[in-house]
Amino acid sequence: KVNRPHPGDHPLLIIFMVGGVSVPEVKMVKDLVATRKPGTQ
């Protein structure tokens, strides 16, 4: 039994969206990460 790394383990998270994102989506991601996973960029 070897645990796979969890994406939330890393202090830097890069999300690549095919087609791009809108400004409200960027704000939503920034707010979610700030409240649920402080210290993650």
PDB file of all heavy atoms in Angstrom:
ATOM      1  N   LYS A   1       0.847  -1.197   0.000  1.00  0.00           N
ATOM      2  CA  LYS A   1       0.000   0.000   0.000  1.00  0.00           C
ATOM      3  C   LYS A   1       0.881   1.244   0.000  1.00  0.00           C
ATOM      4  O   LYS A   1       1.562   1.540   0.969  1.00  0.00           O
ATOM      5  CB  LYS A   1      -0.906  -0.024   1.244  1.00  0.00           C
ATOM      6  CG  LYS A   1      -1.793   1.188   1.378  1.00  0.00           C
ATOM      7  CD  LYS A   1      -2.898   1.178   0.361  1.00  0.00           C
ATOM      8  CE  LYS A   1      -3.835   2.334   0.650  1.00  0.00           C
ATOM      9  NZ  LYS A   1      -4.450   2.862  -0.508  1.00  0.00           N
ATOM     10  N   VAL A   2       0.885   1.951  -1.118  1.00  0.00           N
ATOM     11  CA  VAL A   2       1.621   3.208  -1.233  1.00  0.00           C
ATOM     12  C   VAL A   2       0.605   4.271  -1.603  1.00  0.00           C
ATOM     13  O   VAL A   2      -0.110   4.140  -2.593  1.00  0.00           O
ATOM     14  CB  VAL A   2       2.725   3.113  -2.314  1.00  0.00           C
ATOM     15  CG1 VAL A   2       3.400   4.455  -2.500  1.00  0.00           C
ATOM     16  CG2 VAL A   2       3.733   2.049  -1.957  1.00  0.00           C
ATOM     17  N   ASN A   3       0.512   5.315  -0.781  1.00  0.00           N
ATOM     18  CA  ASN A   3      -0.434   6.391  -1.062  1.00  0.00           C
ATOM     19  C   ASN A   3       0.048   7.239  -2.229  1.00  0.00           C
ATOM     20  O   ASN A   3       1.218   7.606  -2.282  1.00  0.00           O
ATOM     21  CB  ASN A   3      -0.620   7.280   0.171  1.00  0.00           C
ATOM     22  CG  ASN A   3      -1.366   6.568   1.266  1.00  0.00           C
ATOM     23  OD1 ASN A   3      -2.076   5.606   1.005  1.00  0.00           O
ATOM     24  ND2 ASN A   3      -1.200   7.042   2.480  1.00  0.00           N
ATOM     25  N   ARG A   4      -0.881   7.510  -3.114  1.00  0.00           N
ATOM     26  CA  ARG A   4      -0.560   8.410  -4.218  1.00  0.00           C
ATOM     27  C   ARG A   4      -0.499   9.831  -3.676  1.00  0.00           C
ATOM     28  O   ARG A   4      -1.232  10.169  -2.750  1.00  0.00           O
ATOM     29  CB  ARG A   4      -1.635   8.342  -5.299  1.00  0.00           C
ATOM     30  CG  ARG A   4      -1.711   7.022  -5.995  1.00  0.00           C
ATOM     31  CD  ARG A   4      -2.747   7.043  -7.090  1.00  0.00           C
ATOM     32  NE  ARG A   4      -4.051   7.404  -6.555  1.00  0.00           N
ATOM     33  CZ  ARG A   4      -5.062   7.803  -7.281  1.00  0.00           C
ATOM     34  NH1 ARG A   4      -4.944   7.914  -8.577  1.00  0.00           N
ATOM     35  NH2 ARG A   4      -6.218   8.112  -6.735  1.00  0.00           N
ATOM     36  N   PRO A   5       0.342  10.660  -4.258  1.00  0.00           N
ATOM     37  CA  PRO A   5       0.374  12.056  -3.823  1.00  0.00           C
ATOM     38  C   PRO A   5      -0.977  12.721  -4.102  1.00  0.00           C
ATOM     39  O   PRO A   5      -1.637  12.425  -5.085  1.00  0.00           O
ATOM     40  CB  PRO A   5       1.460  12.684  -4.699  1.00  0.00           C
ATOM     41  CG  PRO A   5       2.277  11.551  -5.199  1.00  0.00           C
ATOM     42  CD  PRO A   5       1.362  10.369  -5.258  1.00  0.00           C
ATOM     43  N   HIS A   6      -1.379  13.582  -3.204  1.00  0.00           N
ATOM     44  CA  HIS A   6      -2.636  14.315  -3.353  1.00  0.00           C
ATOM     45  C   HIS A   6      -2.295  15.679  -3.951  1.00  0.00           C
ATOM     46  O   HIS A   6      -1.308  16.291  -3.559  1.00  0.00           O
ATOM     47  CB  HIS A   6      -3.307  14.474  -1.987  1.00  0.00           C
ATOM     48  CG  HIS A   6      -4.713  14.947  -2.063  1.00  0.00           C
ATOM     49  ND1 HIS A   6      -5.040  16.266  -2.249  1.00  0.00           N
ATOM     50  CD2 HIS A   6      -5.883  14.268  -2.001  1.00  0.00           C
ATOM     51  CE1 HIS A   6      -6.350  16.394  -2.286  1.00  0.00           C
ATOM     52  NE2 HIS A   6      -6.884  15.194  -2.141  1.00  0.00           N
ATOM     53  N   PRO A   7      -3.101  16.171  -4.895  1.00  0.00           N
ATOM     54  CA  PRO A   7      -2.789  17.469  -5.496  1.00  0.00           C
ATOM     55  C   PRO A   7      -2.716  18.603  -4.478  1.00  0.00           C
ATOM     56  O   PRO A   7      -1.985  19.565  -4.671  1.00  0.00           O
ATOM     57  CB  PRO A   7      -3.949  17.719  -6.462  1.00  0.00           C
ATOM     58  CG  PRO A   7      -4.563  16.397  -6.697  1.00  0.00           C
ATOM     59  CD  PRO A   7      -4.281  15.564  -5.494  1.00  0.00           C
ATOM     60  N   GLY A   8      -3.418  18.485  -3.365  1.00  0.00           N
ATOM     61  CA  GLY A   8      -3.402  19.520  -2.343  1.00  0.00           C
ATOM     62  C   GLY A   8      -2.167  19.499  -1.467  1.00  0.00           C
ATOM     63  O   GLY A   8      -2.002  20.365  -0.608  1.00  0.00           O
ATOM     64  N   ASP A   9      -1.272  18.525  -1.653  1.00  0.00           N
ATOM     65  CA  ASP A   9      -0.050  18.430  -0.847  1.00  0.00           C
ATOM     66  C   ASP A   9       0.977  19.491  -1.204  1.00  0.00           C
ATOM     67  O   ASP A   9       1.881  19.760  -0.427  1.00  0.00           O
ATOM     68  CB  ASP A   9       0.609  17.054  -1.029  1.00  0.00           C
ATOM     69  CG  ASP A   9      -0.190  15.940  -0.388  1.00  0.00           C
ATOM     70  OD1 ASP A   9      -1.058  16.243   0.452  1.00  0.00           O
ATOM     71  OD2 ASP A   9       0.045  14.770  -0.739  1.00  0.00           O
ATOM     72  N   HIS A  10       0.873  20.047  -2.354  1.00  0.00           N
ATOM     73  CA  HIS A  10       1.904  20.939  -2.855  1.00  0.00           C
ATOM     74  C   HIS A  10       1.539  22.402  -2.598  1.00  0.00           C
ATOM     75  O   HIS A  10       0.377  22.775  -2.669  1.00  0.00           O
ATOM     76  CB  HIS A  10       2.126  20.693  -4.346  1.00  0.00           C
ATOM     77  CG  HIS A  10       2.474  19.264  -4.635  1.00  0.00           C
ATOM     78  ND1 HIS A  10       3.718  18.747  -4.401  1.00  0.00           N
ATOM     79  CD2 HIS A  10       1.725  18.237  -5.094  1.00  0.00           C
ATOM     80  CE1 HIS A  10       3.723  17.467  -4.719  1.00  0.00           C
ATOM     81  NE2 HIS A  10       2.516  17.135  -5.147  1.00  0.00           N
ATOM     82  N   PRO A  11       2.540  23.243  -2.309  1.00  0.00           N
ATOM     83  CA  PRO A  11       2.255  24.651  -2.022  1.00  0.00           C
ATOM     84  C   PRO A  11       1.935  25.476  -3.271  1.00  0.00           C
ATOM     85  O   PRO A  11       1.450  26.584  -3.179  1.00  0.00           O
ATOM     86  CB  PRO A  11       3.534  25.155  -1.361  1.00  0.00           C
ATOM     87  CG  PRO A  11       4.596  24.251  -1.894  1.00  0.00           C
ATOM     88  CD  PRO A  11       3.943  22.911  -2.103  1.00  0.00           C
ATOM     89  N   LEU A  12       2.212  24.916  -4.455  1.00  0.00           N
ATOM     90  CA  LEU A  12       1.924  25.601  -5.704  1.00  0.00           C
ATOM     91  C   LEU A  12       1.011  24.711  -6.545  1.00  0.00           C
ATOM     92  O   LEU A  12       1.331  23.550  -6.794  1.00  0.00           O
ATOM     93  CB  LEU A  12       3.214  25.891  -6.478  1.00  0.00           C
ATOM     94  CG  LEU A  12       3.058  26.548  -7.846  1.00  0.00           C
ATOM     95  CD1 LEU A  12       2.461  27.943  -7.700  1.00  0.00           C
ATOM     96  CD2 LEU A  12       4.386  26.604  -8.555  1.00  0.00           C
ATOM     97  N   LEU A  13      -0.110  25.251  -6.933  1.00  0.00           N
ATOM     98  CA  LEU A  13      -1.088  24.504  -7.713  1.00  0.00           C
ATOM     99  C   LEU A  13      -1.266  25.188  -9.059  1.00  0.00           C
ATOM    100  O   LEU A  13      -1.553  26.388  -9.109  1.00  0.00           O
ATOM    101  CB  LEU A  13      -2.428  24.459  -6.971  1.00  0.00           C
ATOM    102  CG  LEU A  13      -3.587  23.762  -7.652  1.00  0.00           C
ATOM    103  CD1 LEU A  13      -3.282  22.286  -7.850  1.00  0.00           C
ATOM    104  CD2 LEU A  13      -4.843  23.935  -6.818  1.00  0.00           C
ATOM    105  N   ILE A  14      -1.030  24.459 -10.126  1.00  0.00           N
ATOM    106  CA  ILE A  14      -1.217  25.002 -11.468  1.00  0.00           C
ATOM    107  C   ILE A  14      -2.401  24.288 -12.093  1.00  0.00           C
ATOM    108  O   ILE A  14      -2.415  23.064 -12.195  1.00  0.00           O
ATOM    109  CB  ILE A  14       0.039  24.812 -12.334  1.00  0.00           C
ATOM    110  CG1 ILE A  14       1.213  25.563 -11.705  1.00  0.00           C
ATOM    111  CG2 ILE A  14      -0.225  25.280 -13.764  1.00  0.00           C
ATOM    112  CD1 ILE A  14       2.535  25.332 -12.390  1.00  0.00           C
ATOM    113  N   ILE A  15      -3.405  25.055 -12.484  1.00  0.00           N
ATOM    114  CA  ILE A  15      -4.592  24.515 -13.138  1.00  0.00           C
ATOM    115  C   ILE A  15      -4.566  24.986 -14.578  1.00  0.00           C
ATOM    116  O   ILE A  15      -4.519  26.178 -14.845  1.00  0.00           O
ATOM    117  CB  ILE A  15      -5.883  24.982 -12.441  1.00  0.00           C
ATOM    118  CG1 ILE A  15      -5.884  24.504 -10.994  1.00  0.00           C
ATOM    119  CG2 ILE A  15      -7.105  24.471 -13.186  1.00  0.00           C
ATOM    120  CD1 ILE A  15      -7.051  25.034 -10.188  1.00  0.00           C
ATOM    121  N   PHE A  16      -4.597  24.042 -15.490  1.00  0.00           N
ATOM    122  CA  PHE A  16      -4.602  24.367 -16.917  1.00  0.00           C
ATOM    123  C   PHE A  16      -5.978  24.074 -17.470  1.00  0.00           C
ATOM    124  O   PHE A  16      -6.458  22.949 -17.392  1.00  0.00           O
ATOM    125  CB  PHE A  16      -3.550  23.532 -17.651  1.00  0.00           C
ATOM    126  CG  PHE A  16      -3.519  23.794 -19.126  1.00  0.00           C
ATOM    127  CD1 PHE A  16      -2.849  24.901 -19.618  1.00  0.00           C
ATOM    128  CD2 PHE A  16      -4.159  22.946 -20.014  1.00  0.00           C
ATOM    129  CE1 PHE A  16      -2.817  25.153 -20.977  1.00  0.00           C
ATOM    130  CE2 PHE A  16      -4.134  23.198 -21.373  1.00  0.00           C
ATOM    131  CZ  PHE A  16      -3.466  24.302 -21.855  1.00  0.00           C
ATOM    132  N   MET A  17      -6.630  25.092 -17.991  1.00  0.00           N
ATOM    133  CA  MET A  17      -7.981  24.944 -18.546  1.00  0.00           C
ATOM    134  C   MET A  17      -7.917  25.108 -20.052  1.00  0.00           C
ATOM    135  O   MET A  17      -7.525  26.166 -20.546  1.00  0.00           O
ATOM    136  CB  MET A  17      -8.925  25.998 -17.969  1.00  0.00           C
ATOM    137  CG  MET A  17      -9.231  25.838 -16.510  1.00  0.00           C
ATOM    138  SD  MET A  17     -10.235  24.410 -16.134  1.00  0.00           S
ATOM    139  CE  MET A  17     -11.757  24.858 -16.917  1.00  0.00           C
ATOM    140  N   VAL A  18      -8.309  24.071 -20.773  1.00  0.00           N
ATOM    141  CA  VAL A  18      -8.382  24.164 -22.220  1.00  0.00           C
ATOM    142  C   VAL A  18      -9.510  25.134 -22.555  1.00  0.00           C
ATOM    143  O   VAL A  18     -10.628  24.985 -22.078  1.00  0.00           O
ATOM    144  CB  VAL A  18      -8.645  22.782 -22.854  1.00  0.00           C
ATOM    145  CG1 VAL A  18      -8.858  22.897 -24.349  1.00  0.00           C
ATOM    146  CG2 VAL A  18      -7.509  21.835 -22.531  1.00  0.00           C
ATOM    147  N   GLY A  19      -9.210  26.147 -23.312  1.00  0.00           N
ATOM    148  CA  GLY A  19     -10.210  27.149 -23.661  1.00  0.00           C
ATOM    149  C   GLY A  19     -10.124  28.393 -22.805  1.00  0.00           C
ATOM    150  O   GLY A  19     -10.730  29.403 -23.122  1.00  0.00           O
ATOM    151  N   GLY A  20      -9.375  28.323 -21.713  1.00  0.00           N
ATOM    152  CA  GLY A  20      -9.188  29.498 -20.871  1.00  0.00           C
ATOM    153  C   GLY A  20     -10.245  29.649 -19.794  1.00  0.00           C
ATOM    154  O   GLY A  20     -11.156  28.830 -19.675  1.00  0.00           O
ATOM    155  N   VAL A  21     -10.092  30.678 -18.999  1.00  0.00           N
ATOM    156  CA  VAL A  21     -11.026  30.971 -17.911  1.00  0.00           C
ATOM    157  C   VAL A  21     -11.400  32.444 -17.960  1.00  0.00           C
ATOM    158  O   VAL A  21     -10.688  33.265 -18.524  1.00  0.00           O
ATOM    159  CB  VAL A  21     -10.431  30.639 -16.516  1.00  0.00           C
ATOM    160  CG1 VAL A  21     -10.220  29.161 -16.341  1.00  0.00           C
ATOM    161  CG2 VAL A  21      -9.151  31.392 -16.270  1.00  0.00           C
ATOM    162  N   SER A  22     -12.500  32.751 -17.326  1.00  0.00           N
ATOM    163  CA  SER A  22     -12.942  34.145 -17.242  1.00  0.00           C
ATOM    164  C   SER A  22     -12.417  34.764 -15.944  1.00  0.00           C
ATOM    165  O   SER A  22     -11.973  34.063 -15.033  1.00  0.00           O
ATOM    166  CB  SER A  22     -14.468  34.221 -17.284  1.00  0.00           C
ATOM    167  OG  SER A  22     -15.006  33.588 -16.140  1.00  0.00           O
ATOM    168  N   VAL A  23     -12.510  36.083 -15.841  1.00  0.00           N
ATOM    169  CA  VAL A  23     -12.065  36.790 -14.634  1.00  0.00           C
ATOM    170  C   VAL A  23     -12.857  36.325 -13.409  1.00  0.00           C
ATOM    171  O   VAL A  23     -12.254  36.064 -12.353  1.00  0.00           O
ATOM    172  CB  VAL A  23     -12.148  38.320 -14.838  1.00  0.00           C
ATOM    173  CG1 VAL A  23     -11.865  39.057 -13.547  1.00  0.00           C
ATOM    174  CG2 VAL A  23     -11.179  38.758 -15.927  1.00  0.00           C
ATOM    175  N   PRO A  24     -14.198  36.170 -13.483  1.00  0.00           N
ATOM    176  CA  PRO A  24     -14.919  35.665 -12.305  1.00  0.00           C
ATOM    177  C   PRO A  24     -14.482  34.252 -11.890  1.00  0.00           C
ATOM    178  O   PRO A  24     -14.454  33.946 -10.702  1.00  0.00           O
ATOM    179  CB  PRO A  24     -16.384  35.669 -12.749  1.00  0.00           C
ATOM    180  CG  PRO A  24     -16.460  36.678 -13.835  1.00  0.00           C
ATOM    181  CD  PRO A  24     -15.126  36.616 -14.530  1.00  0.00           C
ATOM    182  N   GLU A  25     -14.092  33.418 -12.859  1.00  0.00           N
ATOM    183  CA  GLU A  25     -13.609  32.074 -12.513  1.00  0.00           C
ATOM    184  C   GLU A  25     -12.266  32.141 -11.793  1.00  0.00           C
ATOM    185  O   GLU A  25     -12.029  31.398 -10.837  1.00  0.00           O
ATOM    186  CB  GLU A  25     -13.499  31.207 -13.772  1.00  0.00           C
ATOM    187  CG  GLU A  25     -14.831  30.804 -14.340  1.00  0.00           C
ATOM    188  CD  GLU A  25     -14.717  30.087 -15.665  1.00  0.00           C
ATOM    189  OE1 GLU A  25     -13.873  30.487 -16.504  1.00  0.00           O
ATOM    190  OE2 GLU A  25     -15.475  29.131 -15.869  1.00  0.00           O
ATOM    191  N   VAL A  26     -11.398  33.028 -12.222  1.00  0.00           N
ATOM    192  CA  VAL A  26     -10.108  33.202 -11.547  1.00  0.00           C
ATOM    193  C   VAL A  26     -10.339  33.667 -10.112  1.00  0.00           C
ATOM    194  O   VAL A  26      -9.717  33.163  -9.172  1.00  0.00           O
ATOM    195  CB  VAL A  26      -9.214  34.204 -12.312  1.00  0.00           C
ATOM    196  CG1 VAL A  26      -7.968  34.547 -11.512  1.00  0.00           C
ATOM    197  CG2 VAL A  26      -8.836  33.653 -13.671  1.00  0.00           C
ATOM    198  N   LYS A  27     -11.254  34.612  -9.920  1.00  0.00           N
ATOM    199  CA  LYS A  27     -11.570  35.097  -8.576  1.00  0.00           C
ATOM    200  C   LYS A  27     -12.150  33.977  -7.719  1.00  0.00           C
ATOM    201  O   LYS A  27     -11.795  33.830  -6.549  1.00  0.00           O
ATOM    202  CB  LYS A  27     -12.545  36.276  -8.646  1.00  0.00           C
ATOM    203  CG  LYS A  27     -12.866  36.863  -7.265  1.00  0.00           C
ATOM    204  CD  LYS A  27     -13.773  38.041  -7.366  1.00  0.00           C
ATOM    205  CE  LYS A  27     -14.138  38.682  -6.061  1.00  0.00           C
ATOM    206  NZ  LYS A  27     -13.918  38.001  -4.837  1.00  0.00           N
ATOM    207  N   MET A  28     -13.027  33.160  -8.303  1.00  0.00           N
ATOM    208  CA  MET A  28     -13.627  32.041  -7.568  1.00  0.00           C
ATOM    209  C   MET A  28     -12.536  31.078  -7.092  1.00  0.00           C
ATOM    210  O   MET A  28     -12.517  30.670  -5.932  1.00  0.00           O
ATOM    211  CB  MET A  28     -14.633  31.299  -8.444  1.00  0.00           C
ATOM    212  CG  MET A  28     -15.219  30.075  -7.774  1.00  0.00           C
ATOM    213  SD  MET A  28     -16.003  28.932  -8.942  1.00  0.00           S
ATOM    214  CE  MET A  28     -14.650  28.492 -10.004  1.00  0.00           C
ATOM    215  N   VAL A  29     -11.607  30.716  -7.983  1.00  0.00           N
ATOM    216  CA  VAL A  29     -10.518  29.803  -7.617  1.00  0.00           C
ATOM    217  C   VAL A  29      -9.653  30.429  -6.534  1.00  0.00           C
ATOM    218  O   VAL A  29      -9.313  29.776  -5.541  1.00  0.00           O
ATOM    219  CB  VAL A  29      -9.671  29.436  -8.857  1.00  0.00           C
ATOM    220  CG1 VAL A  29      -8.395  28.722  -8.449  1.00  0.00           C
ATOM    221  CG2 VAL A  29     -10.474  28.588  -9.819  1.00  0.00           C
ATOM    222  N   LYS A  30      -9.307  31.697  -6.697  1.00  0.00           N
ATOM    223  CA  LYS A  30      -8.463  32.386  -5.705  1.00  0.00           C
ATOM    224  C   LYS A  30      -9.141  32.411  -4.337  1.00  0.00           C
ATOM    225  O   LYS A  30      -8.510  32.136  -3.315  1.00  0.00           O
ATOM    226  CB  LYS A  30      -8.176  33.801  -6.196  1.00  0.00           C
ATOM    227  CG  LYS A  30      -7.200  34.549  -5.344  1.00  0.00           C
ATOM    228  CD  LYS A  30      -6.893  35.905  -5.937  1.00  0.00           C
ATOM    229  CE  LYS A  30      -5.929  36.646  -5.026  1.00  0.00           C
ATOM    230  NZ  LYS A  30      -5.618  37.970  -5.506  1.00  0.00           N
ATOM    231  N   ASP A  31     -10.444  32.719  -4.298  1.00  0.00           N
ATOM    232  CA  ASP A  31     -11.181  32.761  -3.026  1.00  0.00           C
ATOM    233  C   ASP A  31     -11.297  31.381  -2.395  1.00  0.00           C
ATOM    234  O   ASP A  31     -11.138  31.227  -1.179  1.00  0.00           O
ATOM    235  CB  ASP A  31     -12.576  33.357  -3.234  1.00  0.00           C
ATOM    236  CG  ASP A  31     -12.528  34.843  -3.596  1.00  0.00           C
ATOM    237  OD1 ASP A  31     -11.462  35.470  -3.406  1.00  0.00           O
ATOM    238  OD2 ASP A  31     -13.559  35.357  -4.084  1.00  0.00           O
ATOM    239  N   LEU A  32     -11.589  30.360  -3.208  1.00  0.00           N
ATOM    240  CA  LEU A  32     -11.700  28.997  -2.675  1.00  0.00           C
ATOM    241  C   LEU A  32     -10.385  28.526  -2.063  1.00  0.00           C
ATOM    242  O   LEU A  32     -10.364  27.966  -0.973  1.00  0.00           O
ATOM    243  CB  LEU A  32     -12.114  28.022  -3.791  1.00  0.00           C
ATOM    244  CG  LEU A  32     -13.581  27.846  -4.055  1.00  0.00           C
ATOM    245  CD1 LEU A  32     -13.802  27.011  -5.309  1.00  0.00           C
ATOM    246  CD2 LEU A  32     -14.272  27.196  -2.884  1.00  0.00           C
ATOM    247  N   VAL A  33      -9.289  28.752  -2.790  1.00  0.00           N
ATOM    248  CA  VAL A  33      -7.983  28.305  -2.291  1.00  0.00           C
ATOM    249  C   VAL A  33      -7.609  29.081  -1.032  1.00  0.00           C
ATOM    250  O   VAL A  33      -7.089  28.509  -0.075  1.00  0.00           O
ATOM    251  CB  VAL A  33      -6.906  28.447  -3.392  1.00  0.00           C
ATOM    252  CG1 VAL A  33      -5.521  28.202  -2.842  1.00  0.00           C
ATOM    253  CG2 VAL A  33      -7.188  27.482  -4.530  1.00  0.00           C
ATOM    254  N   ALA A  34      -7.904  30.376  -0.996  1.00  0.00           N
ATOM    255  CA  ALA A  34      -7.564  31.194   0.174  1.00  0.00           C
ATOM    256  C   ALA A  34      -8.328  30.749   1.420  1.00  0.00           C
ATOM    257  O   ALA A  34      -7.784  30.758   2.527  1.00  0.00           O
ATOM    258  CB  ALA A  34      -7.843  32.670  -0.108  1.00  0.00           C
ATOM    259  N   THR A  35      -9.596  30.341   1.267  1.00  0.00           N
ATOM    260  CA  THR A  35     -10.388  29.938   2.441  1.00  0.00           C
ATOM    261  C   THR A  35     -10.164  28.481   2.816  1.00  0.00           C
ATOM    262  O   THR A  35     -10.140  28.159   4.001  1.00  0.00           O
ATOM    263  CB  THR A  35     -11.888  30.157   2.198  1.00  0.00           C
ATOM    264  OG1 THR A  35     -12.291  29.437   1.032  1.00  0.00           O
ATOM    265  CG2 THR A  35     -12.213  31.618   2.035  1.00  0.00           C
ATOM    266  N   ARG A  36      -9.973  27.613   1.855  1.00  0.00           N
ATOM    267  CA  ARG A  36      -9.861  26.179   2.148  1.00  0.00           C
ATOM    268  C   ARG A  36      -8.430  25.672   2.286  1.00  0.00           C
ATOM    269  O   ARG A  36      -8.207  24.656   2.927  1.00  0.00           O
ATOM    270  CB  ARG A  36     -10.575  25.360   1.072  1.00  0.00           C
ATOM    271  CG  ARG A  36     -12.064  25.590   1.083  1.00  0.00           C
ATOM    272  CD  ARG A  36     -12.712  24.724   0.067  1.00  0.00           C
ATOM    273  NE  ARG A  36     -14.149  24.882   0.142  1.00  0.00           N
ATOM    274  CZ  ARG A  36     -14.980  23.878   0.207  1.00  0.00           C
ATOM    275  NH1 ARG A  36     -14.545  22.653   0.227  1.00  0.00           N
ATOM    276  NH2 ARG A  36     -16.267  24.084   0.271  1.00  0.00           N
ATOM    277  N   LYS A  37      -7.485  26.338   1.655  1.00  0.00           N
ATOM    278  CA  LYS A  37      -6.095  25.869   1.675  1.00  0.00           C
ATOM    279  C   LYS A  37      -5.153  27.068   1.735  1.00  0.00           C
ATOM    280  O   LYS A  37      -4.417  27.331   0.782  1.00  0.00           O
ATOM    281  CB  LYS A  37      -5.850  25.037   0.411  1.00  0.00           C
ATOM    282  CG  LYS A  37      -4.631  24.188   0.449  1.00  0.00           C
ATOM    283  CD  LYS A  37      -4.904  22.909   1.136  1.00  0.00           C
ATOM    284  CE  LYS A  37      -3.701  22.022   0.933  1.00  0.00           C
ATOM    285  NZ  LYS A  37      -3.613  20.988   1.904  1.00  0.00           N
ATOM    286  N   PRO A  38      -5.169  27.832   2.852  1.00  0.00           N
ATOM    287  CA  PRO A  38      -4.298  29.011   2.941  1.00  0.00           C
ATOM    288  C   PRO A  38      -2.823  28.605   2.790  1.00  0.00           C
ATOM    289  O   PRO A  38      -2.425  27.538   3.216  1.00  0.00           O
ATOM    290  CB  PRO A  38      -4.568  29.570   4.329  1.00  0.00           C
ATOM    291  CG  PRO A  38      -5.694  28.796   4.904  1.00  0.00           C
ATOM    292  CD  PRO A  38      -5.925  27.601   4.050  1.00  0.00           C
ATOM    293  N   GLY A  39      -2.068  29.476   2.185  1.00  0.00           N
ATOM    294  CA  GLY A  39      -0.648  29.189   1.982  1.00  0.00           C
ATOM    295  C   GLY A  39      -0.372  28.534   0.642  1.00  0.00           C
ATOM    296  O   GLY A  39       0.792  28.344   0.273  1.00  0.00           O
ATOM    297  N   THR A  40      -1.394  28.178  -0.088  1.00  0.00           N
ATOM    298  CA  THR A  40      -1.220  27.581  -1.412  1.00  0.00           C
ATOM    299  C   THR A  40      -1.351  28.670  -2.464  1.00  0.00           C
ATOM    300  O   THR A  40      -2.252  29.497  -2.393  1.00  0.00           O
ATOM    301  CB  THR A  40      -2.269  26.485  -1.669  1.00  0.00           C
ATOM    302  OG1 THR A  40      -2.136  25.463  -0.678  1.00  0.00           O
ATOM    303  CG2 THR A  40      -2.112  25.858  -3.030  1.00  0.00           C
ATOM    304  N   GLN A  41      -0.456  28.662  -3.404  1.00  0.00           N
ATOM    305  CA  GLN A  41      -0.522  29.637  -4.500  1.00  0.00           C
ATOM    306  C   GLN A  41      -1.229  28.990  -5.661  1.00  0.00           C
ATOM    307  O   GLN A  41      -1.013  27.843  -5.977  1.00  0.00           O
ATOM    308  CB  GLN A  41       0.870  30.048  -4.959  1.00  0.00           C
ATOM    309  CG  GLN A  41       1.617  30.878  -3.960  1.00  0.00           C
ATOM    310  CD  GLN A  41       2.973  31.311  -4.541  1.00  0.00           C
ATOM    311  OE1 GLN A  41       3.520  30.658  -5.398  1.00  0.00           O
ATOM    312  NE2 GLN A  41       3.472  32.414  -4.033  1.00  0.00           N
TER     313      GLN A  41
END
